[in-house]
């Protein structure tokens, strides 16, 4: 089996994981049961590696804070006739340790070895560190 790789994506318009959860809840009726869908313009060139166990890691306000397991990739055509990639995600949003990330466009690959660990049970409801503090802690190797 191919080694897996993750996708790193900015969660545009969200100020918190709760914003992501609220938006996905509002869209639930449009999606398959127990799934969430994120449509992006480009198809991953490393699709096989993503499908071998990857997750989509969400960057919210410059910090990786959550992930969702990638369940599949589907080609969809928009109302404009342009073909896009629908990333089919597990509906469960898993919070991760906060790791700062500089802004970027589109999405990036994230090697499994570089992915932040999930928060330990009981820490899921903790708020993210304030901007600047997470970056400073990361510089010292603290998470």
C-alpha atoms as a PDB file:
ATOM      1  CA  UNK A   1       0.000   0.000   0.000  1.00  0.00           C
ATOM      2  CA  UNK A   2       1.241   3.497  -0.812  1.00  0.00           C
ATOM      3  CA  UNK A   3       2.440   5.684   2.043  1.00  0.00           C
ATOM      4  CA  UNK A   4      -0.144   8.333   2.750  1.00  0.00           C
ATOM      5  CA  UNK A   5       0.099  12.090   2.479  1.00  0.00           C
ATOM      6  CA  UNK A   6      -2.273  14.745   3.765  1.00  0.00           C
ATOM      7  CA  UNK A   7      -3.747  17.885   2.218  1.00  0.00           C
ATOM      8  CA  UNK A   8      -3.323  21.242   3.945  1.00  0.00           C
ATOM      9  CA  UNK A   9      -6.025  23.821   3.173  1.00  0.00           C
ATOM     10  CA  UNK A  10      -6.902  27.300   4.418  1.00  0.00           C
ATOM     11  CA  UNK A  11     -10.359  27.434   5.996  1.00  0.00           C
ATOM     12  CA  UNK A  12     -11.340  30.745   4.425  1.00  0.00           C
ATOM     13  CA  UNK A  13     -13.984  32.734   6.272  1.00  0.00           C
ATOM     14  CA  UNK A  14     -13.669  30.810   9.534  1.00  0.00           C
ATOM     15  CA  UNK A  15     -12.352  32.361  12.726  1.00  0.00           C
ATOM     16  CA  UNK A  16     -12.533  29.130  14.745  1.00  0.00           C
ATOM     17  CA  UNK A  17     -13.142  25.397  14.515  1.00  0.00           C
ATOM     18  CA  UNK A  18     -16.699  26.171  15.677  1.00  0.00           C
ATOM     19  CA  UNK A  19     -17.201  28.291  12.525  1.00  0.00           C
ATOM     20  CA  UNK A  20     -16.114  25.315  10.397  1.00  0.00           C
ATOM     21  CA  UNK A  21     -18.469  23.013  12.311  1.00  0.00           C
ATOM     22  CA  UNK A  22     -21.375  25.460  12.001  1.00  0.00           C
ATOM     23  CA  UNK A  23     -20.863  25.864   8.247  1.00  0.00           C
ATOM     24  CA  UNK A  24     -20.597  22.123   7.667  1.00  0.00           C
ATOM     25  CA  UNK A  25     -23.725  21.523   9.757  1.00  0.00           C
ATOM     26  CA  UNK A  26     -25.609  24.052   7.613  1.00  0.00           C
ATOM     27  CA  UNK A  27     -24.566  22.159   4.449  1.00  0.00           C
ATOM     28  CA  UNK A  28     -25.223  18.630   5.743  1.00  0.00           C
ATOM     29  CA  UNK A  29     -28.479  18.145   3.791  1.00  0.00           C
ATOM     30  CA  UNK A  30     -26.580  18.579   0.490  1.00  0.00           C
ATOM     31  CA  UNK A  31     -23.985  15.897   1.249  1.00  0.00           C
ATOM     32  CA  UNK A  32     -23.962  12.101   1.526  1.00  0.00           C
ATOM     33  CA  UNK A  33     -24.753  10.711   4.988  1.00  0.00           C
ATOM     34  CA  UNK A  34     -21.821  10.991   7.441  1.00  0.00           C
ATOM     35  CA  UNK A  35     -19.738  12.910   4.903  1.00  0.00           C
ATOM     36  CA  UNK A  36     -18.659  16.475   4.208  1.00  0.00           C
ATOM     37  CA  UNK A  37     -17.613  17.733   0.788  1.00  0.00           C
ATOM     38  CA  UNK A  38     -15.030  20.342  -0.105  1.00  0.00           C
ATOM     39  CA  UNK A  39     -14.781  21.302  -3.777  1.00  0.00           C
ATOM     40  CA  UNK A  40     -11.478  22.589  -5.110  1.00  0.00           C
ATOM     41  CA  UNK A  41     -10.328  23.602  -8.566  1.00  0.00           C
ATOM     42  CA  UNK A  42      -7.394  21.226  -8.938  1.00  0.00           C
ATOM     43  CA  UNK A  43      -7.239  17.428  -8.776  1.00  0.00           C
ATOM     44  CA  UNK A  44      -4.428  16.165  -6.484  1.00  0.00           C
ATOM     45  CA  UNK A  45      -1.522  14.769  -8.507  1.00  0.00           C
ATOM     46  CA  UNK A  46      -0.773  12.566  -5.491  1.00  0.00           C
ATOM     47  CA  UNK A  47      -4.354  11.277  -5.234  1.00  0.00           C
ATOM     48  CA  UNK A  48      -3.321   7.670  -4.577  1.00  0.00           C
ATOM     49  CA  UNK A  49      -1.231   8.757  -1.573  1.00  0.00           C
ATOM     50  CA  UNK A  50      -4.039  10.978  -0.243  1.00  0.00           C
ATOM     51  CA  UNK A  51      -6.525   8.097  -0.538  1.00  0.00           C
ATOM     52  CA  UNK A  52      -4.122   5.718   1.248  1.00  0.00           C
ATOM     53  CA  UNK A  53      -5.050   7.223   4.633  1.00  0.00           C
ATOM     54  CA  UNK A  54      -4.700  10.987   4.307  1.00  0.00           C
ATOM     55  CA  UNK A  55      -6.684  13.742   5.970  1.00  0.00           C
ATOM     56  CA  UNK A  56      -7.480  17.310   5.048  1.00  0.00           C
ATOM     57  CA  UNK A  57      -5.857  19.551   7.690  1.00  0.00           C
ATOM     58  CA  UNK A  58      -7.619  22.892   8.163  1.00  0.00           C
ATOM     59  CA  UNK A  59      -5.603  26.094   8.700  1.00  0.00           C
ATOM     60  CA  UNK A  60      -7.770  28.596  10.586  1.00  0.00           C
ATOM     61  CA  UNK A  61      -6.457  32.130  11.133  1.00  0.00           C
ATOM     62  CA  UNK A  62      -2.872  31.005  10.404  1.00  0.00           C
ATOM     63  CA  UNK A  63      -2.896  27.914  12.626  1.00  0.00           C
ATOM     64  CA  UNK A  64      -3.577  24.240  11.854  1.00  0.00           C
ATOM     65  CA  UNK A  65      -6.391  23.389  14.275  1.00  0.00           C
ATOM     66  CA  UNK A  66      -8.384  20.467  12.856  1.00  0.00           C
ATOM     67  CA  UNK A  67      -8.506  17.658  10.343  1.00  0.00           C
ATOM     68  CA  UNK A  68     -10.997  15.444   8.535  1.00  0.00           C
ATOM     69  CA  UNK A  69     -10.187  12.059   7.032  1.00  0.00           C
ATOM     70  CA  UNK A  70     -10.314  11.982   3.215  1.00  0.00           C
ATOM     71  CA  UNK A  71     -12.793   9.287   2.165  1.00  0.00           C
ATOM     72  CA  UNK A  72     -12.674   9.827  -1.598  1.00  0.00           C
ATOM     73  CA  UNK A  73     -12.171  12.141  -4.542  1.00  0.00           C
ATOM     74  CA  UNK A  74     -14.858  12.732  -7.163  1.00  0.00           C
ATOM     75  CA  UNK A  75     -14.959  14.779 -10.324  1.00  0.00           C
ATOM     76  CA  UNK A  76     -17.777  17.340 -10.306  1.00  0.00           C
ATOM     77  CA  UNK A  77     -18.828  19.893 -12.890  1.00  0.00           C
ATOM     78  CA  UNK A  78     -19.891  23.304 -11.680  1.00  0.00           C
ATOM     79  CA  UNK A  79     -22.771  25.373 -13.032  1.00  0.00           C
ATOM     80  CA  UNK A  80     -20.117  27.179 -15.096  1.00  0.00           C
ATOM     81  CA  UNK A  81     -19.246  23.914 -16.881  1.00  0.00           C
ATOM     82  CA  UNK A  82     -15.776  23.715 -15.305  1.00  0.00           C
ATOM     83  CA  UNK A  83     -14.616  20.361 -13.958  1.00  0.00           C
ATOM     84  CA  UNK A  84     -13.418  20.354 -10.338  1.00  0.00           C
ATOM     85  CA  UNK A  85     -12.386  17.917  -7.602  1.00  0.00           C
ATOM     86  CA  UNK A  86     -14.777  17.172  -4.750  1.00  0.00           C
ATOM     87  CA  UNK A  87     -12.833  16.004  -1.714  1.00  0.00           C
ATOM     88  CA  UNK A  88     -15.165  13.694   0.181  1.00  0.00           C
ATOM     89  CA  UNK A  89     -14.455  13.922   3.907  1.00  0.00           C
ATOM     90  CA  UNK A  90     -15.549  12.043   6.984  1.00  0.00           C
ATOM     91  CA  UNK A  91     -18.075  14.297   8.727  1.00  0.00           C
ATOM     92  CA  UNK A  92     -16.131  14.009  11.994  1.00  0.00           C
ATOM     93  CA  UNK A  93     -13.852  16.995  12.587  1.00  0.00           C
ATOM     94  CA  UNK A  94     -10.886  16.054  14.773  1.00  0.00           C
ATOM     95  CA  UNK A  95      -9.093  18.855  16.578  1.00  0.00           C
ATOM     96  CA  UNK A  96      -5.306  18.832  16.398  1.00  0.00           C
ATOM     97  CA  UNK A  97      -2.521  20.443  18.324  1.00  0.00           C
ATOM     98  CA  UNK A  98      -2.146  24.030  17.152  1.00  0.00           C
ATOM     99  CA  UNK A  99       0.669  24.523  14.650  1.00  0.00           C
ATOM    100  CA  UNK A 100       1.239  27.893  12.954  1.00  0.00           C
ATOM    101  CA  UNK A 101       1.249  28.021   9.168  1.00  0.00           C
ATOM    102  CA  UNK A 102       1.974  30.958   6.895  1.00  0.00           C
ATOM    103  CA  UNK A 103      -0.689  31.946   4.348  1.00  0.00           C
ATOM    104  CA  UNK A 104      -0.693  30.229   0.957  1.00  0.00           C
ATOM    105  CA  UNK A 105      -3.040  29.906  -1.988  1.00  0.00           C
ATOM    106  CA  UNK A 106      -4.867  26.731  -2.933  1.00  0.00           C
ATOM    107  CA  UNK A 107      -3.723  23.718  -0.949  1.00  0.00           C
ATOM    108  CA  UNK A 108      -0.458  21.996  -0.127  1.00  0.00           C
ATOM    109  CA  UNK A 109       0.621  18.451   0.604  1.00  0.00           C
ATOM    110  CA  UNK A 110       1.571  17.647   4.193  1.00  0.00           C
ATOM    111  CA  UNK A 111       3.783  14.638   4.814  1.00  0.00           C
ATOM    112  CA  UNK A 112       2.463  12.280   7.483  1.00  0.00           C
ATOM    113  CA  UNK A 113       5.611  12.806   9.573  1.00  0.00           C
ATOM    114  CA  UNK A 114       4.948  16.583   9.658  1.00  0.00           C
ATOM    115  CA  UNK A 115       1.259  16.405  10.572  1.00  0.00           C
ATOM    116  CA  UNK A 116       0.312  17.716  14.006  1.00  0.00           C
ATOM    117  CA  UNK A 117      -1.008  15.104  16.414  1.00  0.00           C
ATOM    118  CA  UNK A 118      -4.663  14.982  17.383  1.00  0.00           C
ATOM    119  CA  UNK A 119      -5.556  16.578  20.700  1.00  0.00           C
ATOM    120  CA  UNK A 120      -5.677  14.106  23.544  1.00  0.00           C
ATOM    121  CA  UNK A 121      -9.140  13.050  24.770  1.00  0.00           C
ATOM    122  CA  UNK A 122     -10.598  15.722  27.014  1.00  0.00           C
ATOM    123  CA  UNK A 123      -8.679  18.555  25.342  1.00  0.00           C
ATOM    124  CA  UNK A 124     -10.970  18.845  22.290  1.00  0.00           C
ATOM    125  CA  UNK A 125     -12.864  21.796  23.716  1.00  0.00           C
ATOM    126  CA  UNK A 126      -9.744  23.850  24.486  1.00  0.00           C
ATOM    127  CA  UNK A 127      -9.491  27.113  22.626  1.00  0.00           C
ATOM    128  CA  UNK A 128      -6.632  27.745  20.220  1.00  0.00           C
ATOM    129  CA  UNK A 129      -3.692  29.757  21.411  1.00  0.00           C
ATOM    130  CA  UNK A 130      -3.825  33.458  20.580  1.00  0.00           C
ATOM    131  CA  UNK A 131      -2.118  34.470  17.319  1.00  0.00           C
ATOM    132  CA  UNK A 132       1.581  34.997  17.900  1.00  0.00           C
ATOM    133  CA  UNK A 133       1.801  32.725  20.947  1.00  0.00           C
ATOM    134  CA  UNK A 134       1.471  29.516  18.902  1.00  0.00           C
ATOM    135  CA  UNK A 135       4.168  30.768  16.510  1.00  0.00           C
ATOM    136  CA  UNK A 136       6.506  31.694  19.399  1.00  0.00           C
ATOM    137  CA  UNK A 137       6.007  28.302  21.039  1.00  0.00           C
ATOM    138  CA  UNK A 138       6.683  26.519  17.738  1.00  0.00           C
ATOM    139  CA  UNK A 139       9.983  28.421  17.393  1.00  0.00           C
ATOM    140  CA  UNK A 140      11.069  26.893  20.717  1.00  0.00           C
ATOM    141  CA  UNK A 141       9.840  23.441  19.721  1.00  0.00           C
ATOM    142  CA  UNK A 142       6.828  23.576  22.057  1.00  0.00           C
ATOM    143  CA  UNK A 143       3.255  22.666  21.103  1.00  0.00           C
END
